[in-house]
Amino acid sequence: MDKTEMEFAIICFNKWLWIREKWEESEFPPRSLTQIGIDAEHSSLLRRLLEGKEPLEYPPPRSFSYPNYSLAENDDWHTSEFFIHKEDDNIRGYPLIAINQMTWRIEKEIEPDKKFILSYREDCPCYEAEIKLTEFKYNGIDLKDNNKPIVKIETKDAIWLKMIKE
């Protein structure tokens, strides 16, 4: 590592500490230097900074406990792992959608059980979400180009998310 690379790494590390404190992504201040080292080893944000990429304006939503930069940076993103929790169905007292093991608050239901405005943090942008049918299968065979007689149909929904740009 040459001097320029070392300086770059130090700048990235300092930026990582500042962003981490700003968004309270973990316990701050950390209990020990060991904890900082452990957090640094597992940090997607620090890796992003070391790759020369800029941090996002807001922390990205999570997908299976990891930051979902793809959702935050692209126009739309989808997954088929989601579950809607109605108000009376959860302890928080307001409707939620769990998407890839992350809880999103339903801010507005545009079309019942189909189209929503969602948020994952109060201080971050909202997302428009729409549930769409993505698979139409007969005994595991995709029916789009198939003329077989239909006996058993399996369908699979996916939820599509798109950040609302203000």
C-alpha atoms as a PDB file:
ATOM      1  CA  MET A   1       0.000   0.000   0.000  1.00  0.00           C
ATOM      2  CA  ASP A   2       1.530   3.313  -0.989  1.00  0.00           C
ATOM      3  CA  LYS A   3       1.124   6.628   0.834  1.00  0.00           C
ATOM      4  CA  THR A   4      -1.785   7.775  -1.373  1.00  0.00           C
ATOM      5  CA  GLU A   5      -3.697   4.532  -0.733  1.00  0.00           C
ATOM      6  CA  MET A   6      -3.066   4.833   3.010  1.00  0.00           C
ATOM      7  CA  GLU A   7      -4.396   8.402   3.045  1.00  0.00           C
ATOM      8  CA  PHE A   8      -7.450   7.292   1.069  1.00  0.00           C
ATOM      9  CA  ALA A   9      -8.103   4.433   3.549  1.00  0.00           C
ATOM     10  CA  ILE A  10      -7.832   6.806   6.521  1.00  0.00           C
ATOM     11  CA  ILE A  11     -10.250   9.282   4.898  1.00  0.00           C
ATOM     12  CA  CYS A  12     -12.699   6.430   4.176  1.00  0.00           C
ATOM     13  CA  PHE A  13     -12.444   5.147   7.755  1.00  0.00           C
ATOM     14  CA  ASN A  14     -13.100   8.612   9.197  1.00  0.00           C
ATOM     15  CA  LYS A  15     -16.039   9.140   6.834  1.00  0.00           C
ATOM     16  CA  TRP A  16     -17.394   5.712   7.866  1.00  0.00           C
ATOM     17  CA  LEU A  17     -17.188   6.666  11.581  1.00  0.00           C
ATOM     18  CA  TRP A  18     -18.950   9.983  10.922  1.00  0.00           C
ATOM     19  CA  ILE A  19     -21.786   8.410   8.887  1.00  0.00           C
ATOM     20  CA  ARG A  20     -22.140   5.592  11.411  1.00  0.00           C
ATOM     21  CA  GLU A  21     -22.592   8.119  14.211  1.00  0.00           C
ATOM     22  CA  LYS A  22     -24.944  10.312  12.140  1.00  0.00           C
ATOM     23  CA  TRP A  23     -27.333   7.464  11.280  1.00  0.00           C
ATOM     24  CA  GLU A  24     -26.906   5.594  14.561  1.00  0.00           C
ATOM     25  CA  GLU A  25     -26.452   2.336  12.675  1.00  0.00           C
ATOM     26  CA  SER A  26     -24.815   0.708  15.683  1.00  0.00           C
ATOM     27  CA  GLU A  27     -24.020   1.433  19.287  1.00  0.00           C
ATOM     28  CA  PHE A  28     -22.299   4.801  19.406  1.00  0.00           C
ATOM     29  CA  PRO A  29     -19.956   5.445  20.961  1.00  0.00           C
ATOM     30  CA  PRO A  30     -18.769   1.852  20.745  1.00  0.00           C
ATOM     31  CA  ARG A  31     -17.953   0.068  23.974  1.00  0.00           C
ATOM     32  CA  SER A  32     -14.415  -0.735  22.864  1.00  0.00           C
ATOM     33  CA  LEU A  33     -11.867  -0.516  20.074  1.00  0.00           C
ATOM     34  CA  THR A  34     -12.445  -4.225  19.548  1.00  0.00           C
ATOM     35  CA  GLN A  35     -16.083  -3.442  18.721  1.00  0.00           C
ATOM     36  CA  ILE A  36     -15.002  -0.843  16.140  1.00  0.00           C
ATOM     37  CA  GLY A  37     -12.762  -3.460  14.528  1.00  0.00           C
ATOM     38  CA  ILE A  38     -15.572  -6.016  14.409  1.00  0.00           C
ATOM     39  CA  ASP A  39     -17.994  -3.437  12.980  1.00  0.00           C
ATOM     40  CA  ALA A  40     -15.419  -2.375  10.362  1.00  0.00           C
ATOM     41  CA  GLU A  41     -14.862  -5.994   9.256  1.00  0.00           C
ATOM     42  CA  HIS A  42     -18.599  -6.434   8.616  1.00  0.00           C
ATOM     43  CA  SER A  43     -19.410  -2.983   7.241  1.00  0.00           C
ATOM     44  CA  SER A  44     -20.903  -2.799   3.749  1.00  0.00           C
ATOM     45  CA  LEU A  45     -20.653   0.986   3.980  1.00  0.00           C
ATOM     46  CA  LEU A  46     -16.907   0.941   4.704  1.00  0.00           C
ATOM     47  CA  ARG A  47     -16.358  -1.440   1.784  1.00  0.00           C
ATOM     48  CA  ARG A  48     -18.402   0.864  -0.437  1.00  0.00           C
ATOM     49  CA  LEU A  49     -16.284   3.861   0.573  1.00  0.00           C
ATOM     50  CA  LEU A  50     -13.038   1.944   0.006  1.00  0.00           C
ATOM     51  CA  GLU A  51     -14.292   1.051  -3.504  1.00  0.00           C
ATOM     52  CA  GLY A  52     -14.416   4.795  -4.188  1.00  0.00           C
ATOM     53  CA  LYS A  53     -18.222   5.006  -4.136  1.00  0.00           C
ATOM     54  CA  GLU A  54     -19.991   7.841  -2.393  1.00  0.00           C
ATOM     55  CA  PRO A  55     -22.283   7.167   0.567  1.00  0.00           C
ATOM     56  CA  LEU A  56     -25.986   7.519  -0.066  1.00  0.00           C
ATOM     57  CA  GLU A  57     -27.882  10.516   1.263  1.00  0.00           C
ATOM     58  CA  TYR A  58     -29.892   8.153   3.488  1.00  0.00           C
ATOM     59  CA  PRO A  59     -29.046   4.720   4.888  1.00  0.00           C
ATOM     60  CA  PRO A  60     -30.409   2.124   2.467  1.00  0.00           C
ATOM     61  CA  PRO A  61     -33.193  -0.235   3.499  1.00  0.00           C
ATOM     62  CA  ARG A  62     -32.056  -3.683   4.543  1.00  0.00           C
ATOM     63  CA  SER A  63     -32.613  -7.028   2.876  1.00  0.00           C
ATOM     64  CA  PHE A  64     -31.918 -10.121   4.991  1.00  0.00           C
ATOM     65  CA  SER A  65     -30.047  -7.886   7.507  1.00  0.00           C
ATOM     66  CA  TYR A  66     -27.714  -6.356   4.896  1.00  0.00           C
ATOM     67  CA  PRO A  67     -27.944  -2.903   3.290  1.00  0.00           C
ATOM     68  CA  ASN A  68     -29.876  -3.097   0.010  1.00  0.00           C
ATOM     69  CA  TYR A  69     -27.928  -0.657  -2.155  1.00  0.00           C
ATOM     70  CA  SER A  70     -29.586  -2.106  -5.254  1.00  0.00           C
ATOM     71  CA  LEU A  71     -33.015  -0.961  -4.066  1.00  0.00           C
ATOM     72  CA  ALA A  72     -31.739   2.458  -2.998  1.00  0.00           C
ATOM     73  CA  GLU A  73     -29.856   3.139  -6.250  1.00  0.00           C
ATOM     74  CA  ASN A  74     -32.083   1.656  -8.953  1.00  0.00           C
ATOM     75  CA  ASP A  75     -35.437   2.786 -10.294  1.00  0.00           C
ATOM     76  CA  ASP A  76     -37.177  -0.384  -9.220  1.00  0.00           C
ATOM     77  CA  TRP A  77     -36.461  -3.651  -7.458  1.00  0.00           C
ATOM     78  CA  HIS A  78     -38.551  -6.714  -6.648  1.00  0.00           C
ATOM     79  CA  THR A  79     -38.655  -9.787  -4.471  1.00  0.00           C
ATOM     80  CA  SER A  80     -41.161 -12.512  -3.724  1.00  0.00           C
ATOM     81  CA  GLU A  81     -40.498 -12.750   0.007  1.00  0.00           C
ATOM     82  CA  PHE A  82     -43.005 -10.505   1.718  1.00  0.00           C
ATOM     83  CA  PHE A  83     -45.900 -10.687   4.150  1.00  0.00           C
ATOM     84  CA  ILE A  84     -48.560  -8.079   4.953  1.00  0.00           C
ATOM     85  CA  HIS A  85     -49.426  -7.559   8.638  1.00  0.00           C
ATOM     86  CA  LYS A  86     -52.670  -5.673   9.153  1.00  0.00           C
ATOM     87  CA  GLU A  87     -53.136  -3.276  12.100  1.00  0.00           C
ATOM     88  CA  ASP A  88     -54.857  -5.819  14.330  1.00  0.00           C
ATOM     89  CA  ASP A  89     -52.346  -8.491  13.308  1.00  0.00           C
ATOM     90  CA  ASN A  90     -49.242  -7.041  14.953  1.00  0.00           C
ATOM     91  CA  ILE A  91     -48.119  -5.490  18.225  1.00  0.00           C
ATOM     92  CA  ARG A  92     -47.141  -2.105  16.762  1.00  0.00           C
ATOM     93  CA  GLY A  93     -50.728  -1.053  16.102  1.00  0.00           C
ATOM     94  CA  TYR A  94     -50.258   0.064  12.497  1.00  0.00           C
ATOM     95  CA  PRO A  95     -50.098  -1.909   9.249  1.00  0.00           C
ATOM     96  CA  LEU A  96     -46.739  -3.346   8.202  1.00  0.00           C
ATOM     97  CA  ILE A  97     -45.186  -5.285   5.376  1.00  0.00           C
ATOM     98  CA  ALA A  98     -42.222  -7.548   6.067  1.00  0.00           C
ATOM     99  CA  ILE A  99     -39.996  -7.598   2.964  1.00  0.00           C
ATOM    100  CA  ASN A 100     -36.917  -9.828   2.955  1.00  0.00           C
ATOM    101  CA  GLN A 101     -37.016  -9.913   6.761  1.00  0.00           C
ATOM    102  CA  MET A 102     -37.216  -6.124   7.142  1.00  0.00           C
ATOM    103  CA  THR A 103     -40.286  -4.384   8.531  1.00  0.00           C
ATOM    104  CA  TRP A 104     -41.746  -1.528   6.483  1.00  0.00           C
ATOM    105  CA  ARG A 105     -44.565   0.696   7.705  1.00  0.00           C
ATOM    106  CA  ILE A 106     -47.553   1.099   5.383  1.00  0.00           C
ATOM    107  CA  GLU A 107     -47.980   4.871   5.241  1.00  0.00           C
ATOM    108  CA  LYS A 108     -50.839   4.746   2.739  1.00  0.00           C
ATOM    109  CA  GLU A 109     -52.779   1.984   1.011  1.00  0.00           C
ATOM    110  CA  ILE A 110     -53.449   3.224  -2.524  1.00  0.00           C
ATOM    111  CA  GLU A 111     -55.145   0.040  -3.728  1.00  0.00           C
ATOM    112  CA  PRO A 112     -56.275  -2.540  -1.113  1.00  0.00           C
ATOM    113  CA  ASP A 113     -53.736  -5.363  -0.650  1.00  0.00           C
ATOM    114  CA  LYS A 114     -52.015  -4.364  -3.901  1.00  0.00           C
ATOM    115  CA  LYS A 115     -50.469  -0.864  -3.977  1.00  0.00           C
ATOM    116  CA  PHE A 116     -48.888   1.014  -1.053  1.00  0.00           C
ATOM    117  CA  ILE A 117     -46.653   3.857   0.058  1.00  0.00           C
ATOM    118  CA  LEU A 118     -44.062   2.417   2.467  1.00  0.00           C
ATOM    119  CA  SER A 119     -41.370   3.753   4.771  1.00  0.00           C
ATOM    120  CA  TYR A 120     -38.554   1.991   6.578  1.00  0.00           C
ATOM    121  CA  ARG A 121     -37.365   4.927   8.723  1.00  0.00           C
ATOM    122  CA  GLU A 122     -39.036   8.217   9.629  1.00  0.00           C
ATOM    123  CA  ASP A 123     -36.046  10.223   8.371  1.00  0.00           C
ATOM    124  CA  CYS A 124     -35.708   8.484   4.982  1.00  0.00           C
ATOM    125  CA  PRO A 125     -37.625   8.651   1.689  1.00  0.00           C
ATOM    126  CA  CYS A 126     -40.759   6.601   1.117  1.00  0.00           C
ATOM    127  CA  TYR A 127     -41.176   3.899  -1.516  1.00  0.00           C
ATOM    128  CA  GLU A 128     -44.083   3.032  -3.736  1.00  0.00           C
ATOM    129  CA  ALA A 129     -44.808  -0.694  -3.626  1.00  0.00           C
ATOM    130  CA  GLU A 130     -47.001  -2.791  -5.883  1.00  0.00           C
ATOM    131  CA  ILE A 131     -47.776  -6.478  -5.604  1.00  0.00           C
ATOM    132  CA  LYS A 132     -47.867  -8.137  -9.026  1.00  0.00           C
ATOM    133  CA  LEU A 133     -48.420 -11.666 -10.255  1.00  0.00           C
ATOM    134  CA  THR A 134     -45.060 -12.851 -11.605  1.00  0.00           C
ATOM    135  CA  GLU A 135     -45.450 -16.584 -12.152  1.00  0.00           C
ATOM    136  CA  PHE A 136     -48.239 -18.630 -13.670  1.00  0.00           C
ATOM    137  CA  LYS A 137     -47.351 -22.318 -13.631  1.00  0.00           C
ATOM    138  CA  TYR A 138     -48.932 -25.705 -14.269  1.00  0.00           C
ATOM    139  CA  ASN A 139     -47.258 -28.525 -12.324  1.00  0.00           C
ATOM    140  CA  GLY A 140     -44.086 -26.432 -12.193  1.00  0.00           C
ATOM    141  CA  ILE A 141     -44.102 -25.567 -15.942  1.00  0.00           C
ATOM    142  CA  ASP A 142     -44.355 -21.913 -16.928  1.00  0.00           C
ATOM    143  CA  LEU A 143     -47.639 -21.394 -18.807  1.00  0.00           C
ATOM    144  CA  LYS A 144     -46.631 -18.350 -20.837  1.00  0.00           C
ATOM    145  CA  ASP A 145     -45.812 -20.405 -23.980  1.00  0.00           C
ATOM    146  CA  ASN A 146     -47.456 -23.676 -23.064  1.00  0.00           C
ATOM    147  CA  ASN A 147     -50.751 -25.066 -24.429  1.00  0.00           C
ATOM    148  CA  LYS A 148     -51.186 -27.974 -21.983  1.00  0.00           C
ATOM    149  CA  PRO A 149     -54.584 -28.522 -20.354  1.00  0.00           C
ATOM    150  CA  ILE A 150     -54.740 -26.736 -17.013  1.00  0.00           C
ATOM    151  CA  VAL A 151     -55.306 -29.004 -14.027  1.00  0.00           C
ATOM    152  CA  LYS A 152     -53.433 -27.299 -11.201  1.00  0.00           C
ATOM    153  CA  ILE A 153     -52.279 -23.699 -11.374  1.00  0.00           C
ATOM    154  CA  GLU A 154     -49.640 -22.247  -9.057  1.00  0.00           C
ATOM    155  CA  THR A 155     -49.213 -18.500  -8.856  1.00  0.00           C
ATOM    156  CA  LYS A 156     -46.524 -16.464  -7.189  1.00  0.00           C
ATOM    157  CA  ASP A 157     -46.736 -12.797  -6.312  1.00  0.00           C
ATOM    158  CA  ALA A 158     -43.795 -10.420  -6.083  1.00  0.00           C
ATOM    159  CA  ILE A 159     -43.612  -7.001  -4.533  1.00  0.00           C
ATOM    160  CA  TRP A 160     -42.030  -4.253  -6.644  1.00  0.00           C
ATOM    161  CA  LEU A 161     -40.517  -1.240  -4.898  1.00  0.00           C
ATOM    162  CA  LYS A 162     -39.570   2.149  -6.288  1.00  0.00           C
ATOM    163  CA  MET A 163     -38.254   5.141  -4.320  1.00  0.00           C
ATOM    164  CA  ILE A 164     -40.472   8.207  -4.403  1.00  0.00           C
ATOM    165  CA  LYS A 165     -38.203  11.047  -5.489  1.00  0.00           C
ATOM    166  CA  GLU A 166     -39.246  14.396  -4.063  1.00  0.00           C
END
